[in-house]
C-alpha atoms as a PDB file:
ATOM      1  CA  UNK A   1      28.725  94.901  99.677  1.00  0.00           C
ATOM      2  CA  UNK A   2      32.199  94.752 101.269  1.00  0.00           C
ATOM      3  CA  UNK A   3      32.577  98.523 100.861  1.00  0.00           C
ATOM      4  CA  UNK A   4      29.212  99.135 102.561  1.00  0.00           C
ATOM      5  CA  UNK A   5      30.222  96.811 105.393  1.00  0.00           C
ATOM      6  CA  UNK A   6      33.380  98.788 106.119  1.00  0.00           C
ATOM      7  CA  UNK A   7      31.528 102.116 105.877  1.00  0.00           C
ATOM      8  CA  UNK A   8      29.126 100.801 108.507  1.00  0.00           C
ATOM      9  CA  UNK A   9      31.989  99.662 110.763  1.00  0.00           C
ATOM     10  CA  UNK A  10      33.721 103.055 110.495  1.00  0.00           C
ATOM     11  CA  UNK A  11      30.467 104.873 111.247  1.00  0.00           C
ATOM     12  CA  UNK A  12      29.984 102.695 114.338  1.00  0.00           C
ATOM     13  CA  UNK A  13      33.514 103.483 115.520  1.00  0.00           C
ATOM     14  CA  UNK A  14      32.831 107.216 115.390  1.00  0.00           C
ATOM     15  CA  UNK A  15      29.501 106.704 117.116  1.00  0.00           C
ATOM     16  CA  UNK A  16      31.011 104.671 119.955  1.00  0.00           C
ATOM     17  CA  UNK A  17      33.870 107.125 120.338  1.00  0.00           C
ATOM     18  CA  UNK A  18      31.415 110.013 120.671  1.00  0.00           C
ATOM     19  CA  UNK A  19      29.452 108.189 123.376  1.00  0.00           C
ATOM     20  CA  UNK A  20      32.498 106.969 125.261  1.00  0.00           C
ATOM     21  CA  UNK A  21      34.243 110.336 125.002  1.00  0.00           C
ATOM     22  CA  UNK A  22      37.323 108.627 123.583  1.00  0.00           C
ATOM     23  CA  UNK A  23      39.408 108.878 120.383  1.00  0.00           C
ATOM     24  CA  UNK A  24      39.628 107.509 116.850  1.00  0.00           C
ATOM     25  CA  UNK A  25      42.929 107.206 114.968  1.00  0.00           C
ATOM     26  CA  UNK A  26      44.067 106.016 111.544  1.00  0.00           C
ATOM     27  CA  UNK A  27      47.103 104.112 110.298  1.00  0.00           C
ATOM     28  CA  UNK A  28      48.409 103.726 106.732  1.00  0.00           C
ATOM     29  CA  UNK A  29      51.364 101.551 105.797  1.00  0.00           C
ATOM     30  CA  UNK A  30      52.715  99.738 102.771  1.00  0.00           C
ATOM     31  CA  UNK A  31      55.263  97.204 101.658  1.00  0.00           C
ATOM     32  CA  UNK A  32      56.752  96.859  98.162  1.00  0.00           C
ATOM     33  CA  UNK A  33      58.984  93.953  97.205  1.00  0.00           C
ATOM     34  CA  UNK A  34      60.965  92.539  94.294  1.00  0.00           C
ATOM     35  CA  UNK A  35      62.473  89.152  95.127  1.00  0.00           C
ATOM     36  CA  UNK A  36      64.236  87.194  92.366  1.00  0.00           C
ATOM     37  CA  UNK A  37      65.268  83.642  93.274  1.00  0.00           C
ATOM     38  CA  UNK A  38      67.674  81.561  91.179  1.00  0.00           C
ATOM     39  CA  UNK A  39      67.501  78.094  92.748  1.00  0.00           C
ATOM     40  CA  UNK A  40      68.758  74.872  91.218  1.00  0.00           C
ATOM     41  CA  UNK A  41      68.243  72.919  94.435  1.00  0.00           C
ATOM     42  CA  UNK A  42      64.493  73.685  94.328  1.00  0.00           C
ATOM     43  CA  UNK A  43      63.442  74.618  90.803  1.00  0.00           C
ATOM     44  CA  UNK A  44      59.782  74.976  91.839  1.00  0.00           C
ATOM     45  CA  UNK A  45      60.854  77.851  94.134  1.00  0.00           C
ATOM     46  CA  UNK A  46      63.044  79.432  91.449  1.00  0.00           C
ATOM     47  CA  UNK A  47      60.840  82.366  90.505  1.00  0.00           C
ATOM     48  CA  UNK A  48      60.372  86.099  90.989  1.00  0.00           C
ATOM     49  CA  UNK A  49      58.008  87.484  93.615  1.00  0.00           C
ATOM     50  CA  UNK A  50      56.989  91.115  93.198  1.00  0.00           C
ATOM     51  CA  UNK A  51      54.197  93.334  94.370  1.00  0.00           C
ATOM     52  CA  UNK A  52      52.885  95.990  96.712  1.00  0.00           C
ATOM     53  CA  UNK A  53      50.844  95.640  99.881  1.00  0.00           C
ATOM     54  CA  UNK A  54      48.747  98.544 101.138  1.00  0.00           C
ATOM     55  CA  UNK A  55      47.084  98.562 104.555  1.00  0.00           C
ATOM     56  CA  UNK A  56      44.644 101.090 106.005  1.00  0.00           C
ATOM     57  CA  UNK A  57      42.903 100.769 109.357  1.00  0.00           C
ATOM     58  CA  UNK A  58      40.975 102.822 111.879  1.00  0.00           C
ATOM     59  CA  UNK A  59      41.280 102.368 115.625  1.00  0.00           C
ATOM     60  CA  UNK A  60      38.862 103.124 118.431  1.00  0.00           C
ATOM     61  CA  UNK A  61      40.745 103.771 121.682  1.00  0.00           C
ATOM     62  CA  UNK A  62      38.411 103.152 124.608  1.00  0.00           C
ATOM     63  CA  UNK A  63      41.188 104.090 127.033  1.00  0.00           C
ATOM     64  CA  UNK A  64      44.971 103.665 127.287  1.00  0.00           C
ATOM     65  CA  UNK A  65      44.647  99.845 127.444  1.00  0.00           C
ATOM     66  CA  UNK A  66      41.699  98.774 125.265  1.00  0.00           C
ATOM     67  CA  UNK A  67      41.515  99.247 121.493  1.00  0.00           C
ATOM     68  CA  UNK A  68      39.421  98.059 118.546  1.00  0.00           C
ATOM     69  CA  UNK A  69      40.949  98.171 115.039  1.00  0.00           C
ATOM     70  CA  UNK A  70      39.257  97.605 111.646  1.00  0.00           C
ATOM     71  CA  UNK A  71      40.668  97.983 108.131  1.00  0.00           C
ATOM     72  CA  UNK A  72      41.937  96.226 105.022  1.00  0.00           C
ATOM     73  CA  UNK A  73      45.246  94.874 103.705  1.00  0.00           C
ATOM     74  CA  UNK A  74      45.447  94.310  99.935  1.00  0.00           C
ATOM     75  CA  UNK A  75      48.172  92.981  97.636  1.00  0.00           C
ATOM     76  CA  UNK A  76      48.811  93.819  93.979  1.00  0.00           C
ATOM     77  CA  UNK A  77      51.376  91.735  92.113  1.00  0.00           C
ATOM     78  CA  UNK A  78      53.224  93.900  89.603  1.00  0.00           C
ATOM     79  CA  UNK A  79      51.948  93.400  86.064  1.00  0.00           C
ATOM     80  CA  UNK A  80      48.936  91.344  87.189  1.00  0.00           C
ATOM     81  CA  UNK A  81      45.241  91.917  86.531  1.00  0.00           C
ATOM     82  CA  UNK A  82      42.884  92.421  88.297  1.00  0.00           C
ATOM     83  CA  UNK A  83      44.851  95.003  90.216  1.00  0.00           C
ATOM     84  CA  UNK A  84      44.384  93.463  93.637  1.00  0.00           C
ATOM     85  CA  UNK A  85      45.113  89.760  93.875  1.00  0.00           C
ATOM     86  CA  UNK A  86      43.533  89.598  97.314  1.00  0.00           C
ATOM     87  CA  UNK A  87      42.179  91.923  99.978  1.00  0.00           C
ATOM     88  CA  UNK A  88      42.382  90.687 103.581  1.00  0.00           C
ATOM     89  CA  UNK A  89      40.191  92.229 106.287  1.00  0.00           C
ATOM     90  CA  UNK A  90      41.773  93.589 109.455  1.00  0.00           C
ATOM     91  CA  UNK A  91      39.493  93.468 112.504  1.00  0.00           C
ATOM     92  CA  UNK A  92      40.694  92.823 116.046  1.00  0.00           C
ATOM     93  CA  UNK A  93      40.608  93.754 119.694  1.00  0.00           C
ATOM     94  CA  UNK A  94      43.893  94.716 121.371  1.00  0.00           C
ATOM     95  CA  UNK A  95      44.734  95.011 125.044  1.00  0.00           C
ATOM     96  CA  UNK A  96      48.163  96.529 125.653  1.00  0.00           C
ATOM     97  CA  UNK A  97      49.863  97.476 128.908  1.00  0.00           C
ATOM     98  CA  UNK A  98      53.496  97.858 129.941  1.00  0.00           C
ATOM     99  CA  UNK A  99      53.783  94.078 130.427  1.00  0.00           C
ATOM    100  CA  UNK A 100      50.936  92.431 128.517  1.00  0.00           C
ATOM    101  CA  UNK A 101      49.721  92.356 124.919  1.00  0.00           C
ATOM    102  CA  UNK A 102      46.607  90.469 123.852  1.00  0.00           C
ATOM    103  CA  UNK A 103      45.179  90.412 120.312  1.00  0.00           C
ATOM    104  CA  UNK A 104      42.007  88.635 119.196  1.00  0.00           C
ATOM    105  CA  UNK A 105      40.766  88.666 115.599  1.00  0.00           C
ATOM    106  CA  UNK A 106      42.563  89.297 112.297  1.00  0.00           C
ATOM    107  CA  UNK A 107      45.717  91.319 112.963  1.00  0.00           C
ATOM    108  CA  UNK A 108      49.106  91.966 111.253  1.00  0.00           C
ATOM    109  CA  UNK A 109      51.884  89.437 111.917  1.00  0.00           C
ATOM    110  CA  UNK A 110      54.622  92.055 111.347  1.00  0.00           C
ATOM    111  CA  UNK A 111      56.397  92.849 114.589  1.00  0.00           C
ATOM    112  CA  UNK A 112      54.768  89.914 116.365  1.00  0.00           C
ATOM    113  CA  UNK A 113      55.931  86.751 114.548  1.00  0.00           C
ATOM    114  CA  UNK A 114      58.317  88.203 111.958  1.00  0.00           C
ATOM    115  CA  UNK A 115      61.410  87.231 114.001  1.00  0.00           C
ATOM    116  CA  UNK A 116      60.783  83.475 113.585  1.00  0.00           C
ATOM    117  CA  UNK A 117      63.622  81.531 111.902  1.00  0.00           C
ATOM    118  CA  UNK A 118      62.981  80.835 108.213  1.00  0.00           C
ATOM    119  CA  UNK A 119      63.402  77.123 108.934  1.00  0.00           C
ATOM    120  CA  UNK A 120      60.096  77.279 110.863  1.00  0.00           C
ATOM    121  CA  UNK A 121      58.125  80.077 109.124  1.00  0.00           C
ATOM    122  CA  UNK A 122      59.375  80.967 105.642  1.00  0.00           C
ATOM    123  CA  UNK A 123      59.846  84.540 104.456  1.00  0.00           C
ATOM    124  CA  UNK A 124      57.144  84.461 101.734  1.00  0.00           C
ATOM    125  CA  UNK A 125      54.484  84.625 104.468  1.00  0.00           C
ATOM    126  CA  UNK A 126      55.151  88.368 104.743  1.00  0.00           C
ATOM    127  CA  UNK A 127      54.229  88.665 101.042  1.00  0.00           C
ATOM    128  CA  UNK A 128      51.115  86.516 100.843  1.00  0.00           C
ATOM    129  CA  UNK A 129      49.789  85.981 104.366  1.00  0.00           C
ATOM    130  CA  UNK A 130      50.244  89.249 106.272  1.00  0.00           C
ATOM    131  CA  UNK A 131      47.644  88.573 108.975  1.00  0.00           C
ATOM    132  CA  UNK A 132      47.268  86.195 111.869  1.00  0.00           C
ATOM    133  CA  UNK A 133      43.663  85.015 112.217  1.00  0.00           C
ATOM    134  CA  UNK A 134      43.160  83.986 115.802  1.00  0.00           C
ATOM    135  CA  UNK A 135      44.733  84.875 119.144  1.00  0.00           C
ATOM    136  CA  UNK A 136      48.082  86.098 120.430  1.00  0.00           C
ATOM    137  CA  UNK A 137      49.335  87.043 123.865  1.00  0.00           C
ATOM    138  CA  UNK A 138      52.753  88.329 124.913  1.00  0.00           C
ATOM    139  CA  UNK A 139      54.255  88.948 128.337  1.00  0.00           C
ATOM    140  CA  UNK A 140      57.201  91.332 128.625  1.00  0.00           C
ATOM    141  CA  UNK A 141      59.193  91.072 131.836  1.00  0.00           C
ATOM    142  CA  UNK A 142      62.372  92.618 133.147  1.00  0.00           C
ATOM    143  CA  UNK A 143      64.540  89.845 131.714  1.00  0.00           C
ATOM    144  CA  UNK A 144      62.686  88.784 128.575  1.00  0.00           C
ATOM    145  CA  UNK A 145      59.389  87.929 126.951  1.00  0.00           C
ATOM    146  CA  UNK A 146      57.117  85.023 126.037  1.00  0.00           C
ATOM    147  CA  UNK A 147      54.608  84.902 123.156  1.00  0.00           C
ATOM    148  CA  UNK A 148      51.852  82.316 122.612  1.00  0.00           C
ATOM    149  CA  UNK A 149      49.674  82.353 119.496  1.00  0.00           C
ATOM    150  CA  UNK A 150      47.021  80.536 117.458  1.00  0.00           C
ATOM    151  CA  UNK A 151      46.545  81.159 113.724  1.00  0.00           C
ATOM    152  CA  UNK A 152      43.545  79.598 111.952  1.00  0.00           C
ATOM    153  CA  UNK A 153      44.614  78.850 108.360  1.00  0.00           C
ATOM    154  CA  UNK A 154      41.528  77.114 106.933  1.00  0.00           C
ATOM    155  CA  UNK A 155      38.008  76.474 108.249  1.00  0.00           C
ATOM    156  CA  UNK A 156      36.676  72.997 107.587  1.00  0.00           C
ATOM    157  CA  UNK A 157      33.996  72.611 104.903  1.00  0.00           C
ATOM    158  CA  UNK A 158      33.042  69.693 102.684  1.00  0.00           C
ATOM    159  CA  UNK A 159      36.026  70.492 100.448  1.00  0.00           C
ATOM    160  CA  UNK A 160      38.334  72.725 102.560  1.00  0.00           C
ATOM    161  CA  UNK A 161      40.652  71.224 105.147  1.00  0.00           C
ATOM    162  CA  UNK A 162      40.658  72.176 108.826  1.00  0.00           C
ATOM    163  CA  UNK A 163      44.088  73.680 109.417  1.00  0.00           C
ATOM    164  CA  UNK A 164      45.495  75.825 112.173  1.00  0.00           C
ATOM    165  CA  UNK A 165      48.912  76.769 113.489  1.00  0.00           C
ATOM    166  CA  UNK A 166      49.828  77.286 117.094  1.00  0.00           C
ATOM    167  CA  UNK A 167      53.134  78.163 118.620  1.00  0.00           C
ATOM    168  CA  UNK A 168      55.219  79.971 121.165  1.00  0.00           C
ATOM    169  CA  UNK A 169      58.493  81.880 121.305  1.00  0.00           C
ATOM    170  CA  UNK A 170      60.501  83.665 123.947  1.00  0.00           C
ATOM    171  CA  UNK A 171      63.766  85.295 124.958  1.00  0.00           C
ATOM    172  CA  UNK A 172      65.461  85.335 128.361  1.00  0.00           C
ATOM    173  CA  UNK A 173      68.391  87.578 129.251  1.00  0.00           C
ATOM    174  CA  UNK A 174      69.312  87.490 132.959  1.00  0.00           C
ATOM    175  CA  UNK A 175      71.450  90.333 134.286  1.00  0.00           C
ATOM    176  CA  UNK A 176      73.952  88.004 135.943  1.00  0.00           C
ATOM    177  CA  UNK A 177      75.060  86.612 132.570  1.00  0.00           C
ATOM    178  CA  UNK A 178      75.642  89.987 130.933  1.00  0.00           C
ATOM    179  CA  UNK A 179      75.478  89.768 127.126  1.00  0.00           C
ATOM    180  CA  UNK A 180      74.373  86.112 127.140  1.00  0.00           C
ATOM    181  CA  UNK A 181      70.745  85.267 126.326  1.00  0.00           C
ATOM    182  CA  UNK A 182      68.552  82.316 125.445  1.00  0.00           C
ATOM    183  CA  UNK A 183      65.776  82.041 122.831  1.00  0.00           C
ATOM    184  CA  UNK A 184      63.264  79.443 121.723  1.00  0.00           C
ATOM    185  CA  UNK A 185      60.756  79.089 118.870  1.00  0.00           C
ATOM    186  CA  UNK A 186      58.007  76.500 118.411  1.00  0.00           C
ATOM    187  CA  UNK A 187      55.266  75.996 115.803  1.00  0.00           C
ATOM    188  CA  UNK A 188      52.917  73.103 114.988  1.00  0.00           C
ATOM    189  CA  UNK A 189      50.452  72.748 112.088  1.00  0.00           C
ATOM    190  CA  UNK A 190      47.332  70.642 112.670  1.00  0.00           C
ATOM    191  CA  UNK A 191      45.773  69.422 109.398  1.00  0.00           C
ATOM    192  CA  UNK A 192      42.492  67.532 109.907  1.00  0.00           C
ATOM    193  CA  UNK A 193      41.196  67.305 106.336  1.00  0.00           C
ATOM    194  CA  UNK A 194      37.747  68.238 104.927  1.00  0.00           C
ATOM    195  CA  UNK A 195      34.372  67.284 106.433  1.00  0.00           C
ATOM    196  CA  UNK A 196      33.745  64.820 103.572  1.00  0.00           C
ATOM    197  CA  UNK A 197      36.457  62.251 104.150  1.00  0.00           C
ATOM    198  CA  UNK A 198      38.922  61.376 101.407  1.00  0.00           C
ATOM    199  CA  UNK A 199      39.891  57.680 101.120  1.00  0.00           C
ATOM    200  CA  UNK A 200      43.437  57.169 102.358  1.00  0.00           C
ATOM    201  CA  UNK A 201      43.616  60.665 103.865  1.00  0.00           C
ATOM    202  CA  UNK A 202      44.640  61.056 107.518  1.00  0.00           C
ATOM    203  CA  UNK A 203      45.110  63.787 110.106  1.00  0.00           C
ATOM    204  CA  UNK A 204      48.609  65.255 109.923  1.00  0.00           C
ATOM    205  CA  UNK A 205      50.710  67.189 112.432  1.00  0.00           C
ATOM    206  CA  UNK A 206      53.770  69.059 111.236  1.00  0.00           C
ATOM    207  CA  UNK A 207      55.990  71.539 113.030  1.00  0.00           C
ATOM    208  CA  UNK A 208      59.407  72.470 114.341  1.00  0.00           C
ATOM    209  CA  UNK A 209      61.267  73.984 117.266  1.00  0.00           C
ATOM    210  CA  UNK A 210      64.591  75.705 117.835  1.00  0.00           C
ATOM    211  CA  UNK A 211      66.459  76.513 121.045  1.00  0.00           C
ATOM    212  CA  UNK A 212      69.374  78.940 120.836  1.00  0.00           C
ATOM    213  CA  UNK A 213      71.997  80.521 123.066  1.00  0.00           C
ATOM    214  CA  UNK A 214      73.328  83.887 121.978  1.00  0.00           C
ATOM    215  CA  UNK A 215      75.941  86.484 122.819  1.00  0.00           C
ATOM    216  CA  UNK A 216      75.275  90.143 122.072  1.00  0.00           C
ATOM    217  CA  UNK A 217      78.490  92.148 121.698  1.00  0.00           C
ATOM    218  CA  UNK A 218      76.481  95.383 121.499  1.00  0.00           C
ATOM    219  CA  UNK A 219      78.782  98.247 120.539  1.00  0.00           C
ATOM    220  CA  UNK A 220      81.894  96.806 122.162  1.00  0.00           C
ATOM    221  CA  UNK A 221      83.413  96.162 118.720  1.00  0.00           C
ATOM    222  CA  UNK A 222      83.933  98.236 115.580  1.00  0.00           C
ATOM    223  CA  UNK A 223      80.472  97.120 114.467  1.00  0.00           C
ATOM    224  CA  UNK A 224      77.329  99.037 115.364  1.00  0.00           C
ATOM    225  CA  UNK A 225      75.753  95.670 116.195  1.00  0.00           C
ATOM    226  CA  UNK A 226      77.242  92.182 116.456  1.00  0.00           C
ATOM    227  CA  UNK A 227      75.712  88.970 117.794  1.00  0.00           C
ATOM    228  CA  UNK A 228      76.289  85.228 117.496  1.00  0.00           C
ATOM    229  CA  UNK A 229      73.875  82.370 118.207  1.00  0.00           C
ATOM    230  CA  UNK A 230      74.009  78.567 118.237  1.00  0.00           C
ATOM    231  CA  UNK A 231      71.574  75.855 119.181  1.00  0.00           C
ATOM    232  CA  UNK A 232      69.516  72.881 118.101  1.00  0.00           C
ATOM    233  CA  UNK A 233      66.557  72.239 115.806  1.00  0.00           C
ATOM    234  CA  UNK A 234      63.867  69.576 116.027  1.00  0.00           C
ATOM    235  CA  UNK A 235      61.025  68.991 113.577  1.00  0.00           C
ATOM    236  CA  UNK A 236      57.868  66.971 114.171  1.00  0.00           C
ATOM    237  CA  UNK A 237      56.120  65.014 111.414  1.00  0.00           C
ATOM    238  CA  UNK A 238      53.215  62.651 112.022  1.00  0.00           C
ATOM    239  CA  UNK A 239      50.421  61.069 109.964  1.00  0.00           C
ATOM    240  CA  UNK A 240      47.745  59.570 112.233  1.00  0.00           C
ATOM    241  CA  UNK A 241      47.186  56.253 110.510  1.00  0.00           C
ATOM    242  CA  UNK A 242      45.366  53.264 112.024  1.00  0.00           C
ATOM    243  CA  UNK A 243      48.673  51.746 113.151  1.00  0.00           C
ATOM    244  CA  UNK A 244      49.398  54.659 115.464  1.00  0.00           C
ATOM    245  CA  UNK A 245      51.646  56.754 113.225  1.00  0.00           C
ATOM    246  CA  UNK A 246      54.117  58.173 115.750  1.00  0.00           C
ATOM    247  CA  UNK A 247      56.160  61.331 115.297  1.00  0.00           C
ATOM    248  CA  UNK A 248      59.278  61.456 113.154  1.00  0.00           C
ATOM    249  CA  UNK A 249      61.756  63.745 114.950  1.00  0.00           C
ATOM    250  CA  UNK A 250      64.699  64.822 112.774  1.00  0.00           C
ATOM    251  CA  UNK A 251      67.434  66.699 114.660  1.00  0.00           C
ATOM    252  CA  UNK A 252      70.162  69.165 113.741  1.00  0.00           C
ATOM    253  CA  UNK A 253      72.256  72.114 114.886  1.00  0.00           C
ATOM    254  CA  UNK A 254      72.073  75.755 113.782  1.00  0.00           C
ATOM    255  CA  UNK A 255      74.550  78.595 114.154  1.00  0.00           C
ATOM    256  CA  UNK A 256      74.339  82.204 112.998  1.00  0.00           C
ATOM    257  CA  UNK A 257      76.149  85.521 113.132  1.00  0.00           C
ATOM    258  CA  UNK A 258      74.813  89.029 112.465  1.00  0.00           C
ATOM    259  CA  UNK A 259      76.832  92.220 112.130  1.00  0.00           C
ATOM    260  CA  UNK A 260      76.007  95.739 110.973  1.00  0.00           C
ATOM    261  CA  UNK A 261      77.968  98.901 110.342  1.00  0.00           C
ATOM    262  CA  UNK A 262      76.245 102.047 109.135  1.00  0.00           C
ATOM    263  CA  UNK A 263      73.930 101.130 106.263  1.00  0.00           C
ATOM    264  CA  UNK A 264      75.604  97.750 105.646  1.00  0.00           C
ATOM    265  CA  UNK A 265      74.852  94.436 107.369  1.00  0.00           C
ATOM    266  CA  UNK A 266      75.660  90.758 106.962  1.00  0.00           C
ATOM    267  CA  UNK A 267      73.885  87.669 108.275  1.00  0.00           C
ATOM    268  CA  UNK A 268      75.138  84.096 107.967  1.00  0.00           C
ATOM    269  CA  UNK A 269      73.292  80.959 109.112  1.00  0.00           C
ATOM    270  CA  UNK A 270      74.614  77.402 108.993  1.00  0.00           C
ATOM    271  CA  UNK A 271      72.652  74.162 109.476  1.00  0.00           C
ATOM    272  CA  UNK A 272      73.939  70.600 109.885  1.00  0.00           C
ATOM    273  CA  UNK A 273      71.896  67.499 110.685  1.00  0.00           C
ATOM    274  CA  UNK A 274      68.949  65.497 109.423  1.00  0.00           C
ATOM    275  CA  UNK A 275      66.634  66.948 106.774  1.00  0.00           C
ATOM    276  CA  UNK A 276      63.378  68.628 107.862  1.00  0.00           C
ATOM    277  CA  UNK A 277      60.095  68.790 105.962  1.00  0.00           C
ATOM    278  CA  UNK A 278      58.313  71.688 107.654  1.00  0.00           C
ATOM    279  CA  UNK A 279      55.190  72.691 105.713  1.00  0.00           C
ATOM    280  CA  UNK A 280      55.559  76.412 106.418  1.00  0.00           C
ATOM    281  CA  UNK A 281      59.357  76.342 106.669  1.00  0.00           C
ATOM    282  CA  UNK A 282      62.075  77.091 104.114  1.00  0.00           C
ATOM    283  CA  UNK A 283      62.676  74.124 101.777  1.00  0.00           C
ATOM    284  CA  UNK A 284      66.477  74.415 102.054  1.00  0.00           C
ATOM    285  CA  UNK A 285      66.314  72.843 105.497  1.00  0.00           C
ATOM    286  CA  UNK A 286      65.361  69.569 103.849  1.00  0.00           C
ATOM    287  CA  UNK A 287      69.100  69.353 103.133  1.00  0.00           C
ATOM    288  CA  UNK A 288      71.450  67.779 105.652  1.00  0.00           C
ATOM    289  CA  UNK A 289      73.920  70.644 105.214  1.00  0.00           C
ATOM    290  CA  UNK A 290      72.962  74.202 104.357  1.00  0.00           C
ATOM    291  CA  UNK A 291      74.494  77.660 104.609  1.00  0.00           C
ATOM    292  CA  UNK A 292      72.956  81.039 103.737  1.00  0.00           C
ATOM    293  CA  UNK A 293      74.734  84.391 103.562  1.00  0.00           C
ATOM    294  CA  UNK A 294      72.728  87.642 103.358  1.00  0.00           C
ATOM    295  CA  UNK A 295      74.486  90.864 102.371  1.00  0.00           C
ATOM    296  CA  UNK A 296      72.284  93.890 103.085  1.00  0.00           C
ATOM    297  CA  UNK A 297      72.489  97.549 102.114  1.00  0.00           C
ATOM    298  CA  UNK A 298      69.932 100.134 103.268  1.00  0.00           C
ATOM    299  CA  UNK A 299      70.073 103.245 101.022  1.00  0.00           C
ATOM    300  CA  UNK A 300      66.718 104.622 102.218  1.00  0.00           C
ATOM    301  CA  UNK A 301      66.438 105.068 105.965  1.00  0.00           C
ATOM    302  CA  UNK A 302      64.104 107.791 107.149  1.00  0.00           C
ATOM    303  CA  UNK A 303      61.562 108.231 109.927  1.00  0.00           C
ATOM    304  CA  UNK A 304      58.722 106.495 108.077  1.00  0.00           C
ATOM    305  CA  UNK A 305      60.542 104.748 105.197  1.00  0.00           C
ATOM    306  CA  UNK A 306      63.093 101.950 104.977  1.00  0.00           C
ATOM    307  CA  UNK A 307      64.387 100.580 101.667  1.00  0.00           C
ATOM    308  CA  UNK A 308      66.836  97.682 101.633  1.00  0.00           C
ATOM    309  CA  UNK A 309      68.724  95.606  99.045  1.00  0.00           C
ATOM    310  CA  UNK A 310      69.439  92.013 100.066  1.00  0.00           C
ATOM    311  CA  UNK A 311      71.811  89.715  98.181  1.00  0.00           C
ATOM    312  CA  UNK A 312      71.565  86.113  99.382  1.00  0.00           C
ATOM    313  CA  UNK A 313      73.797  83.157  98.570  1.00  0.00           C
ATOM    314  CA  UNK A 314      72.658  79.596  99.325  1.00  0.00           C
ATOM    315  CA  UNK A 315      75.054  76.652  99.607  1.00  0.00           C
ATOM    316  CA  UNK A 316      73.842  73.055  99.873  1.00  0.00           C
ATOM    317  CA  UNK A 317      75.325  69.710  98.736  1.00  0.00           C
ATOM    318  CA  UNK A 318      75.756  69.724  94.957  1.00  0.00           C
ATOM    319  CA  UNK A 319      74.378  73.271  94.614  1.00  0.00           C
ATOM    320  CA  UNK A 320      76.820  75.942  95.734  1.00  0.00           C
ATOM    321  CA  UNK A 321      75.710  78.787  93.472  1.00  0.00           C
ATOM    322  CA  UNK A 322      72.016  79.287  94.270  1.00  0.00           C
ATOM    323  CA  UNK A 323      71.367  82.973  94.824  1.00  0.00           C
ATOM    324  CA  UNK A 324      68.678  85.537  95.440  1.00  0.00           C
ATOM    325  CA  UNK A 325      68.379  89.306  94.889  1.00  0.00           C
ATOM    326  CA  UNK A 326      65.698  91.301  96.681  1.00  0.00           C
ATOM    327  CA  UNK A 327      64.633  94.894  97.275  1.00  0.00           C
ATOM    328  CA  UNK A 328      62.090  95.687  99.969  1.00  0.00           C
ATOM    329  CA  UNK A 329      60.576  99.058 100.763  1.00  0.00           C
ATOM    330  CA  UNK A 330      58.552  99.520 103.955  1.00  0.00           C
ATOM    331  CA  UNK A 331      56.638 102.719 104.680  1.00  0.00           C
ATOM    332  CA  UNK A 332      54.575 103.311 107.804  1.00  0.00           C
ATOM    333  CA  UNK A 333      53.072 106.681 108.686  1.00  0.00           C
ATOM    334  CA  UNK A 334      52.275 105.533 112.219  1.00  0.00           C
ATOM    335  CA  UNK A 335      49.006 106.007 114.029  1.00  0.00           C
ATOM    336  CA  UNK A 336      47.544 109.493 113.568  1.00  0.00           C
ATOM    337  CA  UNK A 337      44.775 110.757 115.828  1.00  0.00           C
ATOM    338  CA  UNK A 338      41.686 111.888 113.912  1.00  0.00           C
ATOM    339  CA  UNK A 339      39.332 112.906 116.697  1.00  0.00           C
ATOM    340  CA  UNK A 340      39.318 113.088 120.448  1.00  0.00           C
ATOM    341  CA  UNK A 341      35.986 113.565 122.158  1.00  0.00           C
ATOM    342  CA  UNK A 342      36.137 115.357 125.486  1.00  0.00           C
ATOM    343  CA  UNK A 343      33.732 114.780 128.311  1.00  0.00           C
ATOM    344  CA  UNK A 344      31.915 118.054 129.021  1.00  0.00           C
ATOM    345  CA  UNK A 345      30.407 116.782 132.300  1.00  0.00           C
END
């Protein structure tokens, strides 16, 4: 039934393109990963993630601004059966101009929300939740950008909870301050519970925000790229009980440095402050002190393929030897035009 549905959608795309005298294109991309985590601080997260994601979609381009895209994104975990753990539909409308982007539907998060700090949105989302289901808009100006988004996680039924994420992020880099820039990230989860109430269960809100100042050295050093950032982090935790249940607001400071030279790169992030329990964030930020060092090597770097080894070392109180070894291979053929229908009139 699902296969017949997509055949119908593709047939409609070609039909509309023929009538509108426009074009149809196709995109294929994939993502393979092997991520081994040796954690003593969080034994429940000490496991190996591995698999391959394959995505195929077709786009109908009404004109240079308006596009409809439909397709699928499926994941296979290595060694698992059946061969696809889950297949997610891709179906969305996109408006894109030189300044504005607007997506509505089920669309890939890669390139849109993938720059969020791990303290707010953890890095396993790229493995197991590749799509945003909702809305996203982005404005790109001369000195920066702002993104606002809504991601519906779970529709409420008698047994399923009503859950959605919403957030915003942005970057501002005024010319008068040269290499200096400012960034912010915000995300909040609203969890309203199922339609059939559970005794003792309450609506929950959970989220976090970061504000950072950064300095981009560009190529003014021996590195190909070098930047440093520092700022603050706030998390928001609330259970709406009958007594009011106000927000808990843990605070802390973050600092990071990134440098790259050729195919090698290093990233270090340090956190100090109160512990945060962010539902979709990295568990290490529950610690009051935490440092992570990523050593990266990219042996495969071609036009459509990037393969990277990442060796990560996690230091937190009492656990200074937690580590992680990962290999990630991304391949994207880009959008290829299939047909363009010319107007003969």
